[in-house]
Amino acid sequence: MRTPIPRLLLPAILLVLVLISSCGREEPTVAPPPPVIPGEVVMNEVFAAGTPGNLDWIEIYNPSTQPVDISGYKIYDVGGQGGTKDKKKFPAGTVVAPKAFYVIVTDTTVSGNDGFGLSGTSGETVWLENGAGSIVDVIAFPALTAAQSYGRLPDGGTTWQILSTVTRGAANKQ
């Protein structure tokens, strides 16, 4: 003779089975950021507290011993990554000499709707991609004041920090 299953146990078993079966459904995933492909140039300094006459900019640095043609490279923030804004293209003929800097102003619309402002009050992420569309550098910078920038020390190195001396187009210093 079998023992009957208590009445409250059956609903509990059904609930467990429903929960287990729902665990198998596919959850939406957040896409990880694309991998960075090491390039010959890097973003070196970010100034994000621009004002009229002193606009937001990003400094590019060439740590190599050869000139690098960055014609067709693009720089963008989350709007450019998501397709809600254009990516800002580097002009044709842009060459960065060895151990030299190139500054691109971001909050302008000189060549169409390709400008974007950087958020100095909250910080954000910026991507640099080469002419083939591969990401060669990415940086997430923090909130900054008008007297600060965010840069690599030493130039082209792996360590980023808030700089109290803004050094547009020149070697970074604390």
Protein backbone atom coordinates (compact mmCIF):
# COMPACT_ATOMS: atom_id res chain seq x y z
CA MET A 1 0.00 0.00 0.00
CA ARG A 2 1.34 3.42 -1.00
CA THR A 3 1.29 6.35 1.30
CA PRO A 4 -0.75 9.26 -0.10
CA ILE A 5 1.08 12.52 -0.78
CA PRO A 6 -0.07 15.23 1.59
CA ARG A 7 -2.23 17.87 -0.13
CA LEU A 8 0.15 20.79 0.53
CA LEU A 9 3.15 18.90 -0.77
CA LEU A 10 1.76 18.57 -4.30
CA PRO A 11 1.44 22.36 -4.91
CA ALA A 12 4.94 22.83 -3.50
CA ILE A 13 6.36 20.23 -5.90
CA LEU A 14 4.58 21.87 -8.84
CA LEU A 15 5.96 25.27 -7.86
CA VAL A 16 9.52 23.89 -7.70
CA LEU A 17 9.08 22.27 -11.14
CA VAL A 18 7.83 25.55 -12.64
CA LEU A 19 10.76 27.46 -11.14
CA ILE A 20 13.26 24.91 -12.40
CA SER A 21 11.80 24.94 -15.90
CA SER A 22 11.83 28.75 -16.03
CA CYS A 23 15.56 28.78 -15.27
CA GLY A 24 16.23 27.27 -18.67
CA ARG A 25 14.91 30.21 -20.63
CA GLU A 26 17.40 32.52 -22.25
CA GLU A 27 17.96 35.74 -20.35
CA PRO A 28 18.73 38.91 -22.26
CA THR A 29 22.43 39.62 -22.16
CA VAL A 30 24.30 42.87 -22.06
CA ALA A 31 26.91 42.83 -24.76
CA PRO A 32 30.42 43.13 -23.35
CA PRO A 33 32.49 45.96 -24.76
CA PRO A 34 34.32 44.94 -27.91
CA PRO A 35 37.93 43.89 -27.41
CA VAL A 36 40.55 46.58 -27.85
CA ILE A 37 42.96 45.91 -30.69
CA PRO A 38 46.37 47.31 -29.83
CA GLY A 39 47.11 50.17 -32.19
CA GLU A 40 50.00 52.44 -32.90
CA VAL A 41 48.31 55.51 -31.39
CA VAL A 42 46.42 55.91 -28.12
CA MET A 43 44.15 58.42 -26.46
CA ASN A 44 46.46 60.22 -24.07
CA GLU A 45 44.52 63.04 -22.40
CA VAL A 46 40.85 64.01 -22.12
CA PHE A 47 39.54 67.51 -21.35
CA ALA A 48 35.80 67.36 -20.69
CA ALA A 49 34.89 70.62 -18.96
CA GLY A 50 34.86 72.76 -22.06
CA THR A 51 33.38 76.22 -22.39
CA PRO A 52 32.82 78.49 -25.40
CA GLY A 53 36.31 79.32 -26.64
CA ASN A 54 37.82 76.32 -24.82
CA LEU A 55 35.87 73.31 -26.11
CA ASP A 56 36.11 69.64 -25.07
CA TRP A 57 38.99 67.77 -26.68
CA ILE A 58 40.86 64.48 -26.72
CA GLU A 59 44.59 64.21 -27.27
CA ILE A 60 46.01 61.37 -29.36
CA TYR A 61 49.62 60.28 -28.80
CA ASN A 62 51.94 58.30 -31.06
CA PRO A 63 54.32 56.32 -28.81
CA SER A 64 56.06 54.66 -31.78
CA THR A 65 59.19 55.67 -33.64
CA GLN A 66 57.35 55.96 -36.97
CA PRO A 67 54.76 58.50 -38.17
CA VAL A 68 51.18 57.14 -38.09
CA ASP A 69 48.49 58.19 -40.57
CA ILE A 70 45.20 58.37 -38.66
CA SER A 71 43.10 59.54 -41.61
CA GLY A 72 39.69 57.93 -41.31
CA TYR A 73 40.07 57.04 -37.63
CA LYS A 74 36.96 57.85 -35.60
CA ILE A 75 36.34 58.85 -32.03
CA TYR A 76 32.99 58.66 -30.26
CA ASP A 77 31.08 58.38 -27.03
CA VAL A 78 28.11 56.17 -26.17
CA GLY A 79 25.91 58.04 -28.66
CA GLY A 80 28.28 57.12 -31.49
CA GLN A 81 28.54 53.55 -30.26
CA GLY A 82 24.76 53.21 -30.11
CA GLY A 83 24.17 54.92 -33.45
CA THR A 84 22.24 57.92 -32.08
CA LYS A 85 25.10 60.27 -32.99
CA ASP A 86 27.68 60.28 -35.74
CA LYS A 87 31.22 59.21 -34.98
CA LYS A 88 33.73 62.05 -35.30
CA LYS A 89 36.15 61.35 -38.14
CA PHE A 90 39.75 62.45 -38.20
CA PRO A 91 40.44 64.54 -41.31
CA ALA A 92 42.16 63.08 -44.36
CA GLY A 93 45.91 63.65 -44.28
CA THR A 94 46.14 63.57 -40.47
CA VAL A 95 49.56 62.16 -39.59
CA VAL A 96 50.94 62.00 -36.05
CA ALA A 97 54.73 62.22 -35.91
CA PRO A 98 56.70 59.85 -33.65
CA LYS A 99 56.39 60.71 -29.94
CA ALA A 100 54.01 63.54 -30.89
CA PHE A 101 50.45 64.61 -30.09
CA TYR A 102 47.34 65.42 -32.09
CA VAL A 103 44.33 67.11 -30.49
CA ILE A 104 40.81 66.65 -31.82
CA VAL A 105 38.04 68.94 -30.57
CA THR A 106 34.93 66.89 -29.91
CA ASP A 107 32.09 69.37 -29.35
CA THR A 108 31.94 70.94 -32.77
CA THR A 109 29.94 70.35 -35.91
CA VAL A 110 32.43 71.74 -38.42
CA SER A 111 31.94 68.90 -40.91
CA GLY A 112 28.29 68.08 -40.35
CA ASN A 113 26.65 66.48 -37.35
CA ASP A 114 29.77 64.76 -36.10
CA GLY A 115 30.43 66.60 -32.87
CA PHE A 116 29.74 65.43 -29.35
CA GLY A 117 30.38 66.96 -25.98
CA LEU A 118 32.13 65.09 -23.23
CA SER A 119 30.46 64.88 -19.84
CA GLY A 120 32.82 66.51 -17.37
CA THR A 121 30.21 66.47 -14.61
CA SER A 122 29.72 62.71 -14.58
CA GLY A 123 32.46 61.25 -16.78
CA GLU A 124 31.86 58.76 -19.57
CA THR A 125 33.46 56.28 -21.96
CA VAL A 126 35.12 57.21 -25.26
CA TRP A 127 36.27 54.87 -28.03
CA LEU A 128 38.91 55.28 -30.74
CA GLU A 129 38.65 53.12 -33.83
CA ASN A 130 40.90 52.83 -36.85
CA GLY A 131 39.87 53.27 -40.47
CA ALA A 132 38.89 49.59 -40.70
CA GLY A 133 36.42 50.01 -37.82
CA SER A 134 38.46 48.11 -35.20
CA ILE A 135 38.65 49.62 -31.73
CA VAL A 136 42.25 50.52 -30.92
CA ASP A 137 41.67 52.27 -27.58
CA VAL A 138 38.91 52.91 -25.05
CA ILE A 139 38.87 55.01 -21.90
CA ALA A 140 36.30 55.60 -19.19
CA PHE A 141 37.10 58.89 -17.50
CA PRO A 142 35.69 60.24 -14.22
CA ALA A 143 33.99 63.57 -13.46
CA LEU A 144 36.39 66.48 -14.01
CA THR A 145 36.48 70.19 -13.20
CA ALA A 146 37.48 72.96 -15.62
CA ALA A 147 40.98 72.92 -14.07
CA GLN A 148 41.50 69.17 -14.61
CA SER A 149 42.06 66.69 -17.39
CA TYR A 150 42.41 62.91 -17.35
CA GLY A 151 45.62 61.57 -18.81
CA ARG A 152 48.21 58.85 -19.03
CA LEU A 153 51.35 59.18 -16.95
CA PRO A 154 53.80 58.74 -18.54
CA ASP A 155 52.52 59.67 -22.01
CA GLY A 156 51.32 56.54 -23.81
CA GLY A 157 51.62 54.44 -20.61
CA THR A 158 48.97 52.27 -19.00
CA THR A 159 48.25 54.38 -15.91
CA TRP A 160 45.51 57.02 -16.13
CA GLN A 161 44.94 59.69 -13.50
CA ILE A 162 43.30 63.05 -12.94
CA LEU A 163 45.78 65.74 -13.88
CA SER A 164 45.75 69.13 -12.15
CA THR A 165 47.76 70.61 -15.03
CA VAL A 166 45.96 70.54 -18.39
CA THR A 167 48.58 69.91 -21.09
CA ARG A 168 46.78 70.10 -24.44
CA GLY A 169 49.14 68.90 -27.19
CA ALA A 170 52.10 68.53 -24.83
CA ALA A 171 53.62 66.02 -22.41
CA ASN A 172 51.39 65.20 -19.46
CA LYS A 173 52.42 66.23 -15.97
CA GLN A 174 50.79 66.14 -12.59
